[in-house]
Amino acid sequence: METKKIVIICGHPDADTFTGTMLDHYQAGAEDIGHEVRRFNLGELNFDPILHVGYKQIQQLEPDLLMLQDAIRECDHLVIGYPNWWCTMPALLKGLFDRFWLPGFAFNFNKQTKKIEKHLAGKTARVFIMSGSHSPFKTWWQFGDYTNEIQYGILEFAGIKTEVSPYGPVEKVSDDQRYMWIKEAEQLGKRAA
């Protein structure tokens, strides 16, 4: 099996959660096979998540954001896990993307062809989204597709072919169900999928 370079981003501000546990098991599965893994825990990154003047002027990127950009440039596969809060990602994770998912790094708008140049094409991604008290289907049924933002608006916009794995209700399932999800994450890690 061909080994891959994998970047994992724990998008929960607190990695000591079920989101973090799922990513721990994904990482363990990947490393068992020999994949090279770099892990970034959102709550441990040092950066200002606020765009103080929007995109009129690009704020200087902090070292942690530059390091994350370099890791993603070099990786084959990106894994992101986060909780579904109010049908979207946590504000700190959104702030991360606002700050570092920039023209020149992830994409460019070609003014002559009027097309988007996708700088991260050829990479793949897996996104784990944890729903606390509702099943993913119930959330989708009541409020619409809460995965569009990460899958299409961010990752695939930059050319990354993305698969989303929603789980829930995390707070209401049995330990046996959680164990099955953890084993699934390990298997995905082994396949770098």
N, C-alpha and C. Protein backbone atom coordinates (compact mmCIF):
# COMPACT_ATOMS: atom_id res chain seq x y z
N MET A 1 0.83 -1.18 0.00
CA MET A 1 0.00 0.00 0.00
C MET A 1 0.88 1.25 0.00
N GLU A 2 0.51 2.21 -0.81
CA GLU A 2 1.23 3.47 -0.86
C GLU A 2 0.93 4.30 0.39
N THR A 3 1.98 4.77 1.05
CA THR A 3 1.75 5.61 2.23
C THR A 3 1.54 7.05 1.79
N LYS A 4 0.82 7.79 2.62
CA LYS A 4 0.47 9.17 2.30
C LYS A 4 0.87 10.10 3.43
N LYS A 5 0.97 11.38 3.08
CA LYS A 5 1.16 12.43 4.07
C LYS A 5 -0.22 12.96 4.43
N ILE A 6 -0.53 12.91 5.70
CA ILE A 6 -1.86 13.28 6.18
C ILE A 6 -1.74 14.43 7.17
N VAL A 7 -2.60 15.43 7.03
CA VAL A 7 -2.74 16.49 8.02
C VAL A 7 -4.09 16.32 8.69
N ILE A 8 -4.08 16.31 10.02
CA ILE A 8 -5.32 16.23 10.80
C ILE A 8 -5.50 17.54 11.55
N ILE A 9 -6.70 18.11 11.43
CA ILE A 9 -7.06 19.31 12.19
C ILE A 9 -8.22 18.95 13.11
N CYS A 10 -7.98 19.02 14.41
CA CYS A 10 -9.08 18.87 15.37
C CYS A 10 -9.73 20.24 15.50
N GLY A 11 -10.91 20.39 14.92
CA GLY A 11 -11.60 21.67 14.86
C GLY A 11 -12.47 21.96 16.06
N HIS A 12 -12.40 21.13 17.09
CA HIS A 12 -13.06 21.45 18.37
C HIS A 12 -12.05 22.23 19.19
N PRO A 13 -12.44 23.36 19.77
CA PRO A 13 -11.48 24.12 20.58
C PRO A 13 -10.88 23.30 21.73
N ASP A 14 -11.57 22.25 22.14
CA ASP A 14 -11.09 21.36 23.20
C ASP A 14 -10.89 19.97 22.60
N ALA A 15 -9.65 19.56 22.45
CA ALA A 15 -9.36 18.26 21.83
C ALA A 15 -9.74 17.09 22.73
N ASP A 16 -9.99 17.33 24.01
CA ASP A 16 -10.36 16.26 24.94
C ASP A 16 -11.87 16.06 24.91
N THR A 17 -12.37 15.66 23.74
CA THR A 17 -13.80 15.48 23.49
C THR A 17 -13.96 14.26 22.60
N PHE A 18 -15.19 13.88 22.29
CA PHE A 18 -15.38 12.76 21.39
C PHE A 18 -14.84 13.08 19.99
N THR A 19 -14.90 14.34 19.58
CA THR A 19 -14.29 14.73 18.30
C THR A 19 -12.81 14.39 18.33
N GLY A 20 -12.13 14.78 19.40
CA GLY A 20 -10.71 14.48 19.54
C GLY A 20 -10.44 12.99 19.58
N THR A 21 -11.32 12.24 20.24
CA THR A 21 -11.16 10.78 20.32
C THR A 21 -11.27 10.15 18.94
N MET A 22 -12.25 10.57 18.16
CA MET A 22 -12.38 10.03 16.79
C MET A 22 -11.12 10.29 15.99
N LEU A 23 -10.57 11.50 16.10
CA LEU A 23 -9.36 11.83 15.36
C LEU A 23 -8.15 11.09 15.90
N ASP A 24 -8.11 10.85 17.21
CA ASP A 24 -7.03 10.04 17.80
C ASP A 24 -6.99 8.66 17.16
N HIS A 25 -8.17 8.07 17.01
CA HIS A 25 -8.25 6.71 16.45
C HIS A 25 -7.97 6.71 14.94
N TYR A 26 -8.41 7.74 14.25
CA TYR A 26 -8.05 7.87 12.83
C TYR A 26 -6.52 7.93 12.72
N GLN A 27 -5.91 8.78 13.54
CA GLN A 27 -4.46 8.96 13.51
C GLN A 27 -3.74 7.66 13.84
N ALA A 28 -4.22 6.94 14.86
CA ALA A 28 -3.59 5.67 15.24
C ALA A 28 -3.66 4.66 14.10
N GLY A 29 -4.82 4.58 13.44
CA GLY A 29 -4.96 3.68 12.30
C GLY A 29 -4.02 4.05 11.18
N ALA A 30 -3.90 5.34 10.90
CA ALA A 30 -3.02 5.80 9.81
C ALA A 30 -1.56 5.50 10.14
N GLU A 31 -1.16 5.80 11.36
CA GLU A 31 0.24 5.60 11.74
C GLU A 31 0.60 4.11 11.82
N ASP A 32 -0.37 3.26 12.17
CA ASP A 32 -0.12 1.81 12.21
C ASP A 32 0.30 1.28 10.85
N ILE A 33 -0.24 1.87 9.79
CA ILE A 33 0.05 1.41 8.43
C ILE A 33 1.34 2.05 7.89
N GLY A 34 1.76 3.16 8.50
CA GLY A 34 2.96 3.83 8.04
C GLY A 34 2.73 5.18 7.37
N HIS A 35 1.47 5.65 7.39
CA HIS A 35 1.21 6.99 6.86
C HIS A 35 1.90 8.02 7.77
N GLU A 36 2.36 9.10 7.16
CA GLU A 36 2.98 10.19 7.92
C GLU A 36 1.89 11.18 8.32
N VAL A 37 1.73 11.42 9.63
CA VAL A 37 0.63 12.25 10.12
C VAL A 37 1.18 13.47 10.85
N ARG A 38 0.61 14.64 10.50
CA ARG A 38 0.85 15.86 11.28
C ARG A 38 -0.48 16.30 11.84
N ARG A 39 -0.52 16.52 13.15
CA ARG A 39 -1.77 16.84 13.85
C ARG A 39 -1.74 18.27 14.35
N PHE A 40 -2.84 18.98 14.14
CA PHE A 40 -3.01 20.34 14.64
C PHE A 40 -4.31 20.39 15.44
N ASN A 41 -4.21 20.76 16.72
CA ASN A 41 -5.39 20.93 17.56
C ASN A 41 -5.72 22.42 17.60
N LEU A 42 -6.92 22.76 17.18
CA LEU A 42 -7.34 24.15 17.04
C LEU A 42 -7.08 24.96 18.30
N GLY A 43 -7.42 24.39 19.46
CA GLY A 43 -7.25 25.12 20.71
C GLY A 43 -5.82 25.39 21.10
N GLU A 44 -4.86 24.74 20.43
CA GLU A 44 -3.45 24.94 20.73
C GLU A 44 -2.76 25.87 19.74
N LEU A 45 -3.46 26.27 18.68
CA LEU A 45 -2.88 27.17 17.69
C LEU A 45 -2.97 28.61 18.18
N ASN A 46 -1.93 29.38 17.92
CA ASN A 46 -1.88 30.76 18.36
C ASN A 46 -2.12 31.67 17.16
N PHE A 47 -3.33 32.24 17.07
CA PHE A 47 -3.67 33.14 15.98
C PHE A 47 -4.88 33.97 16.35
N ASP A 48 -5.03 35.09 15.69
CA ASP A 48 -6.20 35.96 15.87
C ASP A 48 -7.25 35.51 14.85
N PRO A 49 -8.40 35.01 15.29
CA PRO A 49 -9.40 34.50 14.34
C PRO A 49 -10.27 35.60 13.70
N ILE A 50 -10.04 36.84 14.08
CA ILE A 50 -10.90 37.92 13.61
C ILE A 50 -10.27 38.65 12.43
N LEU A 51 -11.04 38.81 11.38
CA LEU A 51 -10.63 39.65 10.25
C LEU A 51 -11.04 41.08 10.58
N HIS A 52 -10.11 41.86 11.04
CA HIS A 52 -10.43 43.18 11.57
C HIS A 52 -10.89 44.17 10.51
N VAL A 53 -10.44 44.01 9.27
CA VAL A 53 -10.89 44.91 8.19
C VAL A 53 -11.37 44.09 7.00
N GLY A 54 -11.86 42.88 7.28
CA GLY A 54 -12.30 42.01 6.19
C GLY A 54 -11.10 41.65 5.33
N TYR A 55 -11.33 41.57 4.02
CA TYR A 55 -10.24 41.23 3.11
C TYR A 55 -9.70 42.45 2.37
N LYS A 56 -10.02 43.66 2.86
CA LYS A 56 -9.45 44.87 2.25
C LYS A 56 -7.93 44.83 2.35
N GLN A 57 -7.47 44.26 3.43
CA GLN A 57 -6.03 44.18 3.68
C GLN A 57 -5.80 42.83 4.36
N ILE A 58 -4.86 42.05 3.86
CA ILE A 58 -4.57 40.75 4.45
C ILE A 58 -3.73 40.96 5.71
N GLN A 59 -4.24 40.44 6.82
CA GLN A 59 -3.48 40.50 8.07
C GLN A 59 -2.27 39.59 7.97
N GLN A 60 -1.19 40.02 8.56
CA GLN A 60 0.01 39.19 8.57
C GLN A 60 -0.31 37.87 9.27
N LEU A 61 0.07 36.77 8.64
CA LEU A 61 -0.22 35.46 9.21
C LEU A 61 0.75 35.13 10.34
N GLU A 62 0.20 34.61 11.42
CA GLU A 62 1.01 34.17 12.54
C GLU A 62 1.79 32.92 12.16
N PRO A 63 2.89 32.61 12.87
CA PRO A 63 3.69 31.42 12.55
C PRO A 63 2.88 30.13 12.50
N ASP A 64 1.91 29.95 13.41
CA ASP A 64 1.11 28.72 13.40
C ASP A 64 0.30 28.59 12.11
N LEU A 65 -0.19 29.70 11.58
CA LEU A 65 -0.96 29.66 10.33
C LEU A 65 -0.06 29.36 9.15
N LEU A 66 1.14 29.94 9.15
CA LEU A 66 2.10 29.65 8.08
C LEU A 66 2.51 28.18 8.12
N MET A 67 2.70 27.64 9.33
CA MET A 67 3.07 26.23 9.48
C MET A 67 1.94 25.33 8.97
N LEU A 68 0.69 25.69 9.27
CA LEU A 68 -0.45 24.91 8.81
C LEU A 68 -0.56 24.98 7.29
N GLN A 69 -0.38 26.14 6.70
CA GLN A 69 -0.40 26.25 5.23
C GLN A 69 0.66 25.35 4.61
N ASP A 70 1.89 25.38 5.16
CA ASP A 70 2.96 24.55 4.61
C ASP A 70 2.61 23.07 4.71
N ALA A 71 2.05 22.67 5.85
CA ALA A 71 1.69 21.26 6.04
C ALA A 71 0.63 20.83 5.03
N ILE A 72 -0.35 21.69 4.78
CA ILE A 72 -1.41 21.34 3.83
C ILE A 72 -0.87 21.32 2.41
N ARG A 73 0.01 22.22 2.07
CA ARG A 73 0.63 22.20 0.73
C ARG A 73 1.33 20.85 0.49
N GLU A 74 1.99 20.33 1.51
CA GLU A 74 2.79 19.12 1.38
C GLU A 74 1.96 17.83 1.51
N CYS A 75 0.77 17.91 2.07
CA CYS A 75 0.02 16.68 2.35
C CYS A 75 -0.70 16.15 1.11
N ASP A 76 -1.05 14.86 1.21
CA ASP A 76 -1.88 14.22 0.19
C ASP A 76 -3.35 14.23 0.61
N HIS A 77 -3.57 14.15 1.94
CA HIS A 77 -4.91 13.95 2.47
C HIS A 77 -5.09 14.82 3.71
N LEU A 78 -6.21 15.50 3.78
CA LEU A 78 -6.54 16.39 4.89
C LEU A 78 -7.73 15.82 5.65
N VAL A 79 -7.63 15.78 6.97
CA VAL A 79 -8.73 15.28 7.82
C VAL A 79 -9.09 16.38 8.80
N ILE A 80 -10.38 16.68 8.86
CA ILE A 80 -10.87 17.71 9.77
C ILE A 80 -12.03 17.11 10.56
N GLY A 81 -12.02 17.32 11.86
CA GLY A 81 -13.14 16.89 12.69
C GLY A 81 -13.62 18.05 13.53
N TYR A 82 -14.93 18.21 13.64
CA TYR A 82 -15.47 19.29 14.48
C TYR A 82 -16.91 18.98 14.89
N PRO A 83 -17.38 19.63 15.96
CA PRO A 83 -18.77 19.47 16.36
C PRO A 83 -19.68 20.39 15.54
N ASN A 84 -20.90 19.94 15.33
CA ASN A 84 -21.90 20.76 14.65
C ASN A 84 -22.57 21.63 15.70
N TRP A 85 -22.22 22.90 15.71
CA TRP A 85 -22.81 23.86 16.63
C TRP A 85 -23.66 24.83 15.83
N TRP A 86 -24.96 24.85 16.09
CA TRP A 86 -25.88 25.75 15.41
C TRP A 86 -25.79 25.58 13.89
N CYS A 87 -25.71 24.32 13.45
CA CYS A 87 -25.69 23.95 12.02
C CYS A 87 -24.47 24.48 11.29
N THR A 88 -23.38 24.65 12.00
CA THR A 88 -22.14 25.06 11.37
C THR A 88 -20.97 24.67 12.25
N MET A 89 -19.78 25.04 11.83
CA MET A 89 -18.57 24.74 12.58
C MET A 89 -18.40 25.74 13.73
N PRO A 90 -17.59 25.41 14.73
CA PRO A 90 -17.30 26.37 15.80
C PRO A 90 -16.69 27.66 15.24
N ALA A 91 -16.98 28.76 15.91
CA ALA A 91 -16.51 30.07 15.44
C ALA A 91 -15.00 30.12 15.29
N LEU A 92 -14.27 29.49 16.20
CA LEU A 92 -12.81 29.53 16.12
C LEU A 92 -12.31 28.81 14.87
N LEU A 93 -12.97 27.72 14.48
CA LEU A 93 -12.59 27.02 13.26
C LEU A 93 -12.91 27.87 12.03
N LYS A 94 -14.06 28.52 12.03
CA LYS A 94 -14.40 29.44 10.93
C LYS A 94 -13.38 30.57 10.85
N GLY A 95 -12.98 31.08 12.01
CA GLY A 95 -11.96 32.12 12.04
C GLY A 95 -10.63 31.65 11.48
N LEU A 96 -10.30 30.38 11.73
CA LEU A 96 -9.08 29.81 11.16
C LEU A 96 -9.14 29.86 9.64
N PHE A 97 -10.24 29.38 9.07
CA PHE A 97 -10.37 29.42 7.61
C PHE A 97 -10.40 30.85 7.08
N ASP A 98 -11.09 31.75 7.79
CA ASP A 98 -11.11 33.15 7.36
C ASP A 98 -9.70 33.72 7.25
N ARG A 99 -8.84 33.30 8.14
CA ARG A 99 -7.50 33.88 8.20
C ARG A 99 -6.50 33.24 7.24
N PHE A 100 -6.54 31.90 7.07
CA PHE A 100 -5.44 31.28 6.32
C PHE A 100 -5.83 30.68 4.98
N TRP A 101 -7.11 30.56 4.69
CA TRP A 101 -7.58 29.96 3.42
C TRP A 101 -7.68 31.08 2.40
N LEU A 102 -6.54 31.53 1.91
CA LEU A 102 -6.44 32.79 1.19
C LEU A 102 -6.09 32.61 -0.29
N PRO A 103 -6.38 33.64 -1.11
CA PRO A 103 -5.86 33.65 -2.48
C PRO A 103 -4.34 33.54 -2.43
N GLY A 104 -3.80 32.80 -3.37
CA GLY A 104 -2.37 32.56 -3.40
C GLY A 104 -2.01 31.27 -2.71
N PHE A 105 -2.76 30.91 -1.68
CA PHE A 105 -2.53 29.63 -1.00
C PHE A 105 -3.52 28.58 -1.50
N ALA A 106 -4.81 28.81 -1.29
CA ALA A 106 -5.82 27.81 -1.62
C ALA A 106 -6.39 27.98 -3.04
N PHE A 107 -6.43 29.19 -3.53
CA PHE A 107 -7.06 29.48 -4.82
C PHE A 107 -6.61 30.83 -5.32
N ASN A 108 -6.99 31.14 -6.54
CA ASN A 108 -6.86 32.48 -7.11
C ASN A 108 -8.03 32.70 -8.05
N PHE A 109 -8.43 33.94 -8.19
CA PHE A 109 -9.39 34.31 -9.23
C PHE A 109 -8.60 34.82 -10.42
N ASN A 110 -8.72 34.16 -11.54
CA ASN A 110 -8.04 34.60 -12.76
C ASN A 110 -8.92 35.63 -13.44
N LYS A 111 -8.49 36.88 -13.42
CA LYS A 111 -9.30 37.97 -13.97
C LYS A 111 -9.45 37.88 -15.49
N GLN A 112 -8.49 37.27 -16.15
CA GLN A 112 -8.56 37.17 -17.61
C GLN A 112 -9.52 36.07 -18.04
N THR A 113 -9.42 34.89 -17.42
CA THR A 113 -10.30 33.78 -17.81
C THR A 113 -11.61 33.78 -17.03
N LYS A 114 -11.65 34.58 -15.96
CA LYS A 114 -12.82 34.65 -15.07
C LYS A 114 -13.11 33.30 -14.41
N LYS A 115 -12.05 32.53 -14.18
CA LYS A 115 -12.19 31.22 -13.55
C LYS A 115 -11.40 31.18 -12.25
N ILE A 116 -11.78 30.24 -11.41
CA ILE A 116 -11.08 30.03 -10.15
C ILE A 116 -9.95 29.03 -10.39
N GLU A 117 -8.75 29.40 -10.00
CA GLU A 117 -7.61 28.49 -10.05
C GLU A 117 -7.54 27.80 -8.70
N LYS A 118 -7.69 26.50 -8.71
CA LYS A 118 -7.75 25.71 -7.48
C LYS A 118 -6.38 25.15 -7.16
N HIS A 119 -5.69 25.79 -6.22
CA HIS A 119 -4.29 25.46 -5.93
C HIS A 119 -4.11 24.14 -5.19
N LEU A 120 -5.16 23.59 -4.59
CA LEU A 120 -5.01 22.37 -3.80
C LEU A 120 -5.62 21.15 -4.50
N ALA A 121 -5.83 21.28 -5.81
CA ALA A 121 -6.37 20.16 -6.60
C ALA A 121 -5.42 18.97 -6.53
N GLY A 122 -6.01 17.78 -6.53
CA GLY A 122 -5.23 16.55 -6.44
C GLY A 122 -5.19 15.99 -5.03
N LYS A 123 -5.57 16.79 -4.06
CA LYS A 123 -5.61 16.32 -2.67
C LYS A 123 -7.01 15.80 -2.36
N THR A 124 -7.10 15.01 -1.31
CA THR A 124 -8.39 14.50 -0.84
C THR A 124 -8.58 14.93 0.61
N ALA A 125 -9.83 14.86 1.06
CA ALA A 125 -10.13 15.21 2.46
C ALA A 125 -11.26 14.34 2.99
N ARG A 126 -11.23 14.16 4.29
CA ARG A 126 -12.31 13.51 5.06
C ARG A 126 -12.68 14.48 6.17
N VAL A 127 -13.97 14.75 6.31
CA VAL A 127 -14.46 15.63 7.37
C VAL A 127 -15.39 14.83 8.26
N PHE A 128 -15.07 14.80 9.56
CA PHE A 128 -15.93 14.18 10.57
C PHE A 128 -16.71 15.31 11.26
N ILE A 129 -18.04 15.22 11.23
CA ILE A 129 -18.87 16.22 11.89
C ILE A 129 -19.71 15.51 12.95
N MET A 130 -19.55 15.94 14.21
CA MET A 130 -20.24 15.33 15.34
C MET A 130 -21.45 16.17 15.72
N SER A 131 -22.62 15.55 15.73
CA SER A 131 -23.84 16.23 16.20
C SER A 131 -24.15 15.75 17.61
N GLY A 132 -24.40 16.67 18.50
CA GLY A 132 -24.59 16.33 19.90
C GLY A 132 -25.90 15.63 20.22
N SER A 133 -27.02 16.31 20.03
CA SER A 133 -28.29 15.78 20.51
C SER A 133 -29.26 15.34 19.42
N HIS A 134 -28.92 15.56 18.16
CA HIS A 134 -29.78 15.14 17.06
C HIS A 134 -29.01 14.24 16.10
N SER A 135 -29.74 13.40 15.40
CA SER A 135 -29.10 12.60 14.36
C SER A 135 -28.76 13.52 13.20
N PRO A 136 -27.73 13.20 12.44
CA PRO A 136 -27.40 14.02 11.27
C PRO A 136 -28.58 14.17 10.31
N PHE A 137 -29.35 13.08 10.14
CA PHE A 137 -30.50 13.16 9.23
C PHE A 137 -31.55 14.13 9.75
N LYS A 138 -31.84 14.07 11.05
CA LYS A 138 -32.84 14.97 11.62
C LYS A 138 -32.40 16.43 11.47
N THR A 139 -31.13 16.69 11.71
CA THR A 139 -30.62 18.06 11.55
C THR A 139 -30.77 18.50 10.10
N TRP A 140 -30.37 17.63 9.17
CA TRP A 140 -30.49 17.96 7.75
C TRP A 140 -31.96 18.20 7.37
N TRP A 141 -32.85 17.34 7.86
CA TRP A 141 -34.27 17.44 7.53
C TRP A 141 -34.87 18.75 8.02
N GLN A 142 -34.52 19.14 9.25
CA GLN A 142 -35.09 20.36 9.84
C GLN A 142 -34.46 21.64 9.32
N PHE A 143 -33.13 21.62 9.10
CA PHE A 143 -32.43 22.87 8.86
C PHE A 143 -31.67 22.95 7.54
N GLY A 144 -31.63 21.86 6.79
CA GLY A 144 -30.90 21.87 5.53
C GLY A 144 -29.51 21.29 5.68
N ASP A 145 -28.79 21.27 4.57
CA ASP A 145 -27.48 20.64 4.54
C ASP A 145 -26.45 21.51 5.24
N TYR A 146 -26.00 21.07 6.40
CA TYR A 146 -25.03 21.81 7.18
C TYR A 146 -23.58 21.43 6.81
N THR A 147 -23.41 20.61 5.76
CA THR A 147 -22.06 20.23 5.33
C THR A 147 -21.59 21.02 4.12
N ASN A 148 -22.48 21.79 3.50
CA ASN A 148 -22.11 22.53 2.29
C ASN A 148 -20.94 23.48 2.50
N GLU A 149 -20.96 24.18 3.62
CA GLU A 149 -19.93 25.19 3.88
C GLU A 149 -18.53 24.59 3.82
N ILE A 150 -18.29 23.51 4.58
CA ILE A 150 -16.96 22.92 4.63
C ILE A 150 -16.63 22.17 3.34
N GLN A 151 -17.59 21.40 2.82
CA GLN A 151 -17.30 20.58 1.65
C GLN A 151 -17.14 21.41 0.38
N TYR A 152 -18.15 22.19 0.07
CA TYR A 152 -18.15 22.90 -1.21
C TYR A 152 -17.62 24.33 -1.11
N GLY A 153 -17.98 25.03 -0.05
CA GLY A 153 -17.60 26.43 0.06
C GLY A 153 -16.14 26.64 0.42
N ILE A 154 -15.50 25.63 1.02
CA ILE A 154 -14.11 25.78 1.45
C ILE A 154 -13.20 24.78 0.74
N LEU A 155 -13.37 23.49 1.02
CA LEU A 155 -12.41 22.49 0.55
C LEU A 155 -12.47 22.27 -0.96
N GLU A 156 -13.64 21.96 -1.49
CA GLU A 156 -13.74 21.70 -2.93
C GLU A 156 -13.56 22.99 -3.75
N PHE A 157 -13.84 24.13 -3.14
CA PHE A 157 -13.58 25.42 -3.80
C PHE A 157 -12.10 25.56 -4.14
N ALA A 158 -11.25 24.94 -3.31
CA ALA A 158 -9.80 24.97 -3.53
C ALA A 158 -9.31 23.74 -4.28
N GLY A 159 -10.23 22.84 -4.68
CA GLY A 159 -9.86 21.69 -5.49
C GLY A 159 -9.70 20.39 -4.74
N ILE A 160 -10.01 20.36 -3.45
CA ILE A 160 -9.82 19.15 -2.65
C ILE A 160 -11.07 18.28 -2.72
N LYS A 161 -10.93 17.06 -3.26
CA LYS A 161 -12.06 16.12 -3.33
C LYS A 161 -12.37 15.67 -1.91
N THR A 162 -13.61 15.89 -1.47
CA THR A 162 -13.96 15.77 -0.06
C THR A 162 -15.09 14.79 0.19
N GLU A 163 -14.92 13.97 1.23
CA GLU A 163 -15.97 13.09 1.75
C GLU A 163 -16.31 13.55 3.17
N VAL A 164 -17.60 13.60 3.48
CA VAL A 164 -18.05 14.03 4.80
C VAL A 164 -18.67 12.84 5.52
N SER A 165 -18.28 12.67 6.78
CA SER A 165 -18.83 11.60 7.63
C SER A 165 -19.51 12.23 8.84
N PRO A 166 -20.85 12.34 8.81
CA PRO A 166 -21.57 12.90 9.95
C PRO A 166 -21.91 11.81 10.98
N TYR A 167 -21.79 12.14 12.25
CA TYR A 167 -22.10 11.20 13.33
C TYR A 167 -23.01 11.89 14.33
N GLY A 168 -23.88 11.12 14.93
CA GLY A 168 -24.74 11.66 15.98
C GLY A 168 -25.99 10.83 16.15
N PRO A 169 -26.72 11.06 17.21
CA PRO A 169 -26.46 12.04 18.26
C PRO A 169 -25.42 11.51 19.26
N VAL A 170 -24.27 12.14 19.29
CA VAL A 170 -23.15 11.68 20.09
C VAL A 170 -23.52 11.58 21.57
N GLU A 171 -24.34 12.50 22.07
CA GLU A 171 -24.68 12.53 23.50
C GLU A 171 -25.69 11.45 23.89
N LYS A 172 -26.33 10.82 22.93
CA LYS A 172 -27.43 9.91 23.25
C LYS A 172 -27.21 8.46 22.82
N VAL A 173 -26.08 8.14 22.22
CA VAL A 173 -25.89 6.78 21.73
C VAL A 173 -25.20 5.91 22.77
N SER A 174 -25.28 4.62 22.55
CA SER A 174 -24.66 3.66 23.46
C SER A 174 -23.14 3.63 23.28
N ASP A 175 -22.48 3.09 24.29
CA ASP A 175 -21.03 2.90 24.18
C ASP A 175 -20.68 1.98 23.02
N ASP A 176 -21.55 0.99 22.76
CA ASP A 176 -21.31 0.08 21.63
C ASP A 176 -21.31 0.85 20.31
N GLN A 177 -22.24 1.80 20.15
CA GLN A 177 -22.30 2.60 18.93
C GLN A 177 -21.06 3.47 18.79
N ARG A 178 -20.66 4.09 19.89
CA ARG A 178 -19.44 4.90 19.86
C ARG A 178 -18.23 4.05 19.46
N TYR A 179 -18.16 2.84 19.99
CA TYR A 179 -17.06 1.94 19.67
C TYR A 179 -17.05 1.62 18.17
N MET A 180 -18.23 1.41 17.60
CA MET A 180 -18.31 1.14 16.17
C MET A 180 -17.81 2.34 15.36
N TRP A 181 -18.19 3.55 15.78
CA TRP A 181 -17.72 4.75 15.09
C TRP A 181 -16.20 4.88 15.18
N ILE A 182 -15.66 4.61 16.37
CA ILE A 182 -14.21 4.69 16.57
C ILE A 182 -13.49 3.70 15.67
N LYS A 183 -14.01 2.47 15.59
CA LYS A 183 -13.39 1.46 14.72
C LYS A 183 -13.47 1.89 13.25
N GLU A 184 -14.58 2.51 12.88
CA GLU A 184 -14.71 3.02 11.51
C GLU A 184 -13.65 4.09 11.23
N ALA A 185 -13.42 4.97 12.20
CA ALA A 185 -12.40 6.01 12.04
C ALA A 185 -11.01 5.38 11.89
N GLU A 186 -10.73 4.34 12.66
CA GLU A 186 -9.44 3.65 12.56
C GLU A 186 -9.25 3.05 11.16
N GLN A 187 -10.29 2.43 10.65
CA GLN A 187 -10.21 1.82 9.32
C GLN A 187 -10.01 2.88 8.24
N LEU A 188 -10.70 4.02 8.37
CA LEU A 188 -10.50 5.11 7.41
C LEU A 188 -9.06 5.61 7.49
N GLY A 189 -8.51 5.67 8.70
CA GLY A 189 -7.12 6.09 8.87
C GLY A 189 -6.16 5.14 8.19
N LYS A 190 -6.40 3.84 8.33
CA LYS A 190 -5.52 2.85 7.69
C LYS A 190 -5.51 3.03 6.17
N ARG A 191 -6.66 3.40 5.61
CA ARG A 191 -6.76 3.58 4.16
C ARG A 191 -6.44 5.00 3.70
N ALA A 192 -6.17 5.88 4.69
CA ALA A 192 -5.97 7.30 4.38
C ALA A 192 -7.14 7.82 3.53
N ALA A 193 -8.33 7.46 3.97
CA ALA A 193 -9.55 7.81 3.23
C ALA A 193 -10.42 8.76 4.04
